[in-house]
Amino acid sequence: MPGSETGNTHGHDKGHPRIALSLNCLGNVLYDRENYEEAAKVYRESLEMNRRVYGANSVYSYIAASLFQLVEVCRKQGNLDKALEVHQESLSMRRATHGHNKSHPHITSSLRSIVFVFLTQKKLDQAVELLEQSVDMLRNVHGRNSVHPDIMAVLQQRRMKPKEDGMKR
């Protein structure tokens, strides 16, 4: 069997979805332990492996999820410009995955994460615009008159005000 002499039947350069998933899980553990530098390295490795497996320009939910997790590490590290850049890539991928004009909880999750960055940067007009989009999408998903917890969370988020050192919750 090709590759069996090295014990790697999937090819060293290509990777495997299960390895990428395992790396992602390791990144989650490191993130939970607040070891953000190592978590970022592992998330990047998982992201790159997913891109090799599914294609560099592929629109695939695992790639979008990896981007989303990487951006959270950037945000925790205070690298807001990088967080915003990666968030935009993740949002674009999620919109491509679920539909550009469709309402989906993953898209609203990305929007709300970008809002946190905008609020921290005191870009209030941009934050409000994305929050309104998020509420509209969630109402499309859960019903216009719904009191679904996701809708309530977005409405609560709109009342947040930036502080000098970050977010007021």
C-alpha atoms as a PDB file:
ATOM      1  CA  MET A   1       0.000   0.000   0.000  1.00  0.00           C
ATOM      2  CA  PRO A   2       1.491   3.385  -0.975  1.00  0.00           C
ATOM      3  CA  GLY A   3       2.592   5.409   2.013  1.00  0.00           C
ATOM      4  CA  SER A   4       2.480   2.429   4.373  1.00  0.00           C
ATOM      5  CA  GLU A   5       6.252   2.433   4.751  1.00  0.00           C
ATOM      6  CA  THR A   6       5.876   5.719   6.666  1.00  0.00           C
ATOM      7  CA  GLY A   7       2.629   4.749   8.346  1.00  0.00           C
ATOM      8  CA  ASN A   8       0.860   7.624   6.581  1.00  0.00           C
ATOM      9  CA  THR A   9      -1.677   6.455   4.025  1.00  0.00           C
ATOM     10  CA  HIS A  10      -3.174   9.908   3.466  1.00  0.00           C
ATOM     11  CA  GLY A  11      -0.047  11.768   2.449  1.00  0.00           C
ATOM     12  CA  HIS A  12       2.037  13.952   4.717  1.00  0.00           C
ATOM     13  CA  ASP A  13       1.472  17.099   2.714  1.00  0.00           C
ATOM     14  CA  LYS A  14      -2.277  16.728   2.368  1.00  0.00           C
ATOM     15  CA  GLY A  15      -3.422  15.853   5.869  1.00  0.00           C
ATOM     16  CA  HIS A  16      -6.704  14.330   6.899  1.00  0.00           C
ATOM     17  CA  PRO A  17     -10.001  15.813   8.149  1.00  0.00           C
ATOM     18  CA  ARG A  18      -9.816  13.832  11.384  1.00  0.00           C
ATOM     19  CA  ILE A  19      -6.333  15.133  12.119  1.00  0.00           C
ATOM     20  CA  ALA A  20      -7.537  18.682  11.467  1.00  0.00           C
ATOM     21  CA  LEU A  21     -10.488  18.074  13.781  1.00  0.00           C
ATOM     22  CA  SER A  22      -8.183  16.704  16.486  1.00  0.00           C
ATOM     23  CA  LEU A  23      -5.955  19.753  16.149  1.00  0.00           C
ATOM     24  CA  ASN A  24      -9.011  21.950  16.458  1.00  0.00           C
ATOM     25  CA  CYS A  25     -10.030  20.137  19.661  1.00  0.00           C
ATOM     26  CA  LEU A  26      -6.519  20.620  21.038  1.00  0.00           C
ATOM     27  CA  GLY A  27      -6.792  24.313  20.192  1.00  0.00           C
ATOM     28  CA  ASN A  28     -10.045  24.459  22.156  1.00  0.00           C
ATOM     29  CA  VAL A  29      -8.352  22.974  25.222  1.00  0.00           C
ATOM     30  CA  LEU A  30      -5.449  25.414  24.954  1.00  0.00           C
ATOM     31  CA  TYR A  31      -7.914  28.294  24.513  1.00  0.00           C
ATOM     32  CA  ASP A  32      -9.886  27.195  27.583  1.00  0.00           C
ATOM     33  CA  ARG A  33      -6.609  27.137  29.525  1.00  0.00           C
ATOM     34  CA  GLU A  34      -5.968  30.706  28.318  1.00  0.00           C
ATOM     35  CA  ASN A  35      -2.832  29.603  26.466  1.00  0.00           C
ATOM     36  CA  TYR A  36      -3.757  31.798  23.524  1.00  0.00           C
ATOM     37  CA  GLU A  37      -0.396  31.795  21.771  1.00  0.00           C
ATOM     38  CA  GLU A  38      -0.312  27.988  21.511  1.00  0.00           C
ATOM     39  CA  ALA A  39      -4.027  27.837  20.716  1.00  0.00           C
ATOM     40  CA  ALA A  40      -3.450  30.229  17.790  1.00  0.00           C
ATOM     41  CA  LYS A  41      -0.633  28.034  16.449  1.00  0.00           C
ATOM     42  CA  VAL A  42      -2.765  24.893  16.649  1.00  0.00           C
ATOM     43  CA  TYR A  43      -5.842  26.605  15.140  1.00  0.00           C
ATOM     44  CA  ARG A  44      -3.676  27.859  12.245  1.00  0.00           C
ATOM     45  CA  GLU A  45      -2.336  24.335  11.699  1.00  0.00           C
ATOM     46  CA  SER A  46      -5.895  22.960  11.688  1.00  0.00           C
ATOM     47  CA  LEU A  47      -7.003  25.728   9.320  1.00  0.00           C
ATOM     48  CA  GLU A  48      -4.149  25.079   6.902  1.00  0.00           C
ATOM     49  CA  MET A  49      -4.784  21.336   6.967  1.00  0.00           C
ATOM     50  CA  ASN A  50      -8.491  21.881   6.268  1.00  0.00           C
ATOM     51  CA  ARG A  51      -7.535  24.109   3.355  1.00  0.00           C
ATOM     52  CA  ARG A  52      -5.223  21.402   1.972  1.00  0.00           C
ATOM     53  CA  VAL A  53      -7.917  18.755   2.390  1.00  0.00           C
ATOM     54  CA  TYR A  54     -10.880  20.744   1.024  1.00  0.00           C
ATOM     55  CA  GLY A  55      -9.061  23.232  -1.213  1.00  0.00           C
ATOM     56  CA  ALA A  56      -7.507  26.608  -0.446  1.00  0.00           C
ATOM     57  CA  ASN A  57     -10.466  28.517  -1.876  1.00  0.00           C
ATOM     58  CA  SER A  58     -13.093  26.030  -0.789  1.00  0.00           C
ATOM     59  CA  VAL A  59     -16.162  27.272   1.000  1.00  0.00           C
ATOM     60  CA  TYR A  60     -16.470  24.662   3.697  1.00  0.00           C
ATOM     61  CA  SER A  61     -17.982  24.931   7.170  1.00  0.00           C
ATOM     62  CA  TYR A  62     -14.912  23.461   8.933  1.00  0.00           C
ATOM     63  CA  ILE A  63     -12.710  26.134   7.381  1.00  0.00           C
ATOM     64  CA  ALA A  64     -15.132  28.873   8.444  1.00  0.00           C
ATOM     65  CA  ALA A  65     -15.250  27.414  11.960  1.00  0.00           C
ATOM     66  CA  SER A  66     -11.447  27.337  12.135  1.00  0.00           C
ATOM     67  CA  LEU A  67     -11.326  30.979  11.077  1.00  0.00           C
ATOM     68  CA  PHE A  68     -13.920  31.868  13.696  1.00  0.00           C
ATOM     69  CA  GLN A  69     -11.909  30.212  16.462  1.00  0.00           C
ATOM     70  CA  LEU A  70      -8.686  31.826  15.325  1.00  0.00           C
ATOM     71  CA  VAL A  71     -10.301  35.241  15.408  1.00  0.00           C
ATOM     72  CA  GLU A  72     -11.424  34.725  18.986  1.00  0.00           C
ATOM     73  CA  VAL A  73      -7.794  34.087  19.950  1.00  0.00           C
ATOM     74  CA  CYS A  74      -6.726  37.293  18.163  1.00  0.00           C
ATOM     75  CA  ARG A  75      -9.424  39.192  20.035  1.00  0.00           C
ATOM     76  CA  LYS A  76      -8.317  37.758  23.381  1.00  0.00           C
ATOM     77  CA  GLN A  77      -4.742  38.767  22.572  1.00  0.00           C
ATOM     78  CA  GLY A  78      -5.895  42.321  21.834  1.00  0.00           C
ATOM     79  CA  ASN A  79      -5.005  42.170  18.132  1.00  0.00           C
ATOM     80  CA  LEU A  80      -8.276  43.741  17.002  1.00  0.00           C
ATOM     81  CA  ASP A  81      -7.190  44.626  13.472  1.00  0.00           C
ATOM     82  CA  LYS A  82      -6.195  41.012  12.778  1.00  0.00           C
ATOM     83  CA  ALA A  83      -9.376  39.798  14.512  1.00  0.00           C
ATOM     84  CA  LEU A  84     -11.487  41.993  12.253  1.00  0.00           C
ATOM     85  CA  GLU A  85      -9.630  40.833   9.139  1.00  0.00           C
ATOM     86  CA  VAL A  86     -10.123  37.152   9.974  1.00  0.00           C
ATOM     87  CA  HIS A  87     -13.742  37.792  11.044  1.00  0.00           C
ATOM     88  CA  GLN A  88     -14.500  39.285   7.650  1.00  0.00           C
ATOM     89  CA  GLU A  89     -13.015  36.213   5.934  1.00  0.00           C
ATOM     90  CA  SER A  90     -15.045  33.901   8.177  1.00  0.00           C
ATOM     91  CA  LEU A  91     -18.244  35.887   7.584  1.00  0.00           C
ATOM     92  CA  SER A  92     -17.709  35.807   3.815  1.00  0.00           C
ATOM     93  CA  MET A  93     -17.204  32.069   3.934  1.00  0.00           C
ATOM     94  CA  ARG A  94     -20.270  31.516   6.126  1.00  0.00           C
ATOM     95  CA  ARG A  95     -22.376  33.630   3.767  1.00  0.00           C
ATOM     96  CA  ALA A  96     -21.070  31.626   0.815  1.00  0.00           C
ATOM     97  CA  THR A  97     -21.807  28.375   2.687  1.00  0.00           C
ATOM     98  CA  HIS A  98     -25.326  29.268   3.835  1.00  0.00           C
ATOM     99  CA  GLY A  99     -26.321  31.758   1.134  1.00  0.00           C
ATOM    100  CA  HIS A 100     -25.483  35.434   0.728  1.00  0.00           C
ATOM    101  CA  ASN A 101     -29.084  36.565   1.146  1.00  0.00           C
ATOM    102  CA  LYS A 102     -30.106  33.890   3.628  1.00  0.00           C
ATOM    103  CA  SER A 103     -30.628  34.075   7.357  1.00  0.00           C
ATOM    104  CA  HIS A 104     -28.621  31.573   9.370  1.00  0.00           C
ATOM    105  CA  PRO A 105     -27.492  31.438  13.027  1.00  0.00           C
ATOM    106  CA  HIS A 106     -23.841  30.944  11.988  1.00  0.00           C
ATOM    107  CA  ILE A 107     -23.957  34.198  10.026  1.00  0.00           C
ATOM    108  CA  THR A 108     -25.507  36.066  12.944  1.00  0.00           C
ATOM    109  CA  SER A 109     -22.842  34.626  15.226  1.00  0.00           C
ATOM    110  CA  SER A 110     -20.142  36.047  12.954  1.00  0.00           C
ATOM    111  CA  LEU A 111     -21.911  39.400  12.779  1.00  0.00           C
ATOM    112  CA  ARG A 112     -22.169  39.601  16.555  1.00  0.00           C
ATOM    113  CA  SER A 113     -18.487  38.776  16.963  1.00  0.00           C
ATOM    114  CA  ILE A 114     -17.567  41.578  14.585  1.00  0.00           C
ATOM    115  CA  VAL A 115     -19.797  43.850  16.678  1.00  0.00           C
ATOM    116  CA  PHE A 116     -17.636  43.159  19.749  1.00  0.00           C
ATOM    117  CA  VAL A 117     -14.580  44.289  17.808  1.00  0.00           C
ATOM    118  CA  PHE A 118     -16.353  47.421  16.549  1.00  0.00           C
ATOM    119  CA  LEU A 119     -17.569  48.285  20.044  1.00  0.00           C
ATOM    120  CA  THR A 120     -14.075  47.874  21.452  1.00  0.00           C
ATOM    121  CA  GLN A 121     -12.758  50.115  18.673  1.00  0.00           C
ATOM    122  CA  LYS A 122     -15.599  52.577  19.407  1.00  0.00           C
ATOM    123  CA  LYS A 123     -16.987  52.236  15.889  1.00  0.00           C
ATOM    124  CA  LEU A 124     -20.539  52.499  17.161  1.00  0.00           C
ATOM    125  CA  ASP A 125     -22.338  53.206  13.871  1.00  0.00           C
ATOM    126  CA  GLN A 126     -20.844  50.100  12.272  1.00  0.00           C
ATOM    127  CA  ALA A 127     -21.685  48.040  15.371  1.00  0.00           C
ATOM    128  CA  VAL A 128     -25.332  49.175  15.342  1.00  0.00           C
ATOM    129  CA  GLU A 129     -25.660  48.407  11.625  1.00  0.00           C
ATOM    130  CA  LEU A 130     -24.445  44.824  12.123  1.00  0.00           C
ATOM    131  CA  LEU A 131     -26.616  44.342  15.200  1.00  0.00           C
ATOM    132  CA  GLU A 132     -29.679  45.381  13.213  1.00  0.00           C
ATOM    133  CA  GLN A 133     -28.756  42.897  10.475  1.00  0.00           C
ATOM    134  CA  SER A 134     -28.316  40.206  13.112  1.00  0.00           C
ATOM    135  CA  VAL A 135     -31.714  40.880  14.711  1.00  0.00           C
ATOM    136  CA  ASP A 136     -33.422  40.778  11.294  1.00  0.00           C
ATOM    137  CA  MET A 137     -31.766  37.464  10.454  1.00  0.00           C
ATOM    138  CA  LEU A 138     -32.630  35.903  13.792  1.00  0.00           C
ATOM    139  CA  ARG A 139     -36.252  37.031  13.452  1.00  0.00           C
ATOM    140  CA  ASN A 140     -36.320  35.413  10.004  1.00  0.00           C
ATOM    141  CA  VAL A 141     -35.003  32.186  11.536  1.00  0.00           C
ATOM    142  CA  HIS A 142     -37.052  32.113  14.756  1.00  0.00           C
ATOM    143  CA  GLY A 143     -40.121  34.178  13.816  1.00  0.00           C
ATOM    144  CA  ARG A 144     -40.849  37.897  13.848  1.00  0.00           C
ATOM    145  CA  ASN A 145     -42.567  37.834  17.248  1.00  0.00           C
ATOM    146  CA  SER A 146     -40.231  35.323  18.859  1.00  0.00           C
ATOM    147  CA  VAL A 147     -38.594  35.967  22.208  1.00  0.00           C
ATOM    148  CA  HIS A 148     -35.876  33.455  21.381  1.00  0.00           C
ATOM    149  CA  PRO A 149     -32.780  33.751  23.613  1.00  0.00           C
ATOM    150  CA  ASP A 150     -30.543  34.545  20.612  1.00  0.00           C
ATOM    151  CA  ILE A 151     -32.705  37.541  19.715  1.00  0.00           C
ATOM    152  CA  MET A 152     -32.725  38.724  23.314  1.00  0.00           C
ATOM    153  CA  ALA A 153     -28.914  38.390  23.459  1.00  0.00           C
ATOM    154  CA  VAL A 154     -28.494  40.606  20.398  1.00  0.00           C
ATOM    155  CA  LEU A 155     -30.899  43.198  21.779  1.00  0.00           C
ATOM    156  CA  GLN A 156     -28.944  43.148  25.047  1.00  0.00           C
ATOM    157  CA  GLN A 157     -25.672  43.486  23.136  1.00  0.00           C
ATOM    158  CA  ARG A 158     -26.990  46.658  21.498  1.00  0.00           C
ATOM    159  CA  ARG A 159     -27.156  48.273  24.951  1.00  0.00           C
ATOM    160  CA  MET A 160     -23.450  47.626  25.568  1.00  0.00           C
ATOM    161  CA  LYS A 161     -21.141  50.596  25.747  1.00  0.00           C
ATOM    162  CA  PRO A 162     -17.382  50.597  25.136  1.00  0.00           C
ATOM    163  CA  LYS A 163     -15.035  51.337  28.008  1.00  0.00           C
ATOM    164  CA  GLU A 164     -11.541  52.691  27.748  1.00  0.00           C
ATOM    165  CA  ASP A 165     -10.048  49.245  28.431  1.00  0.00           C
ATOM    166  CA  GLY A 166     -12.538  47.094  26.523  1.00  0.00           C
ATOM    167  CA  MET A 167     -16.133  46.079  26.958  1.00  0.00           C
ATOM    168  CA  LYS A 168     -18.703  46.872  29.592  1.00  0.00           C
ATOM    169  CA  ARG A 169     -21.046  43.948  30.079  1.00  0.00           C
END
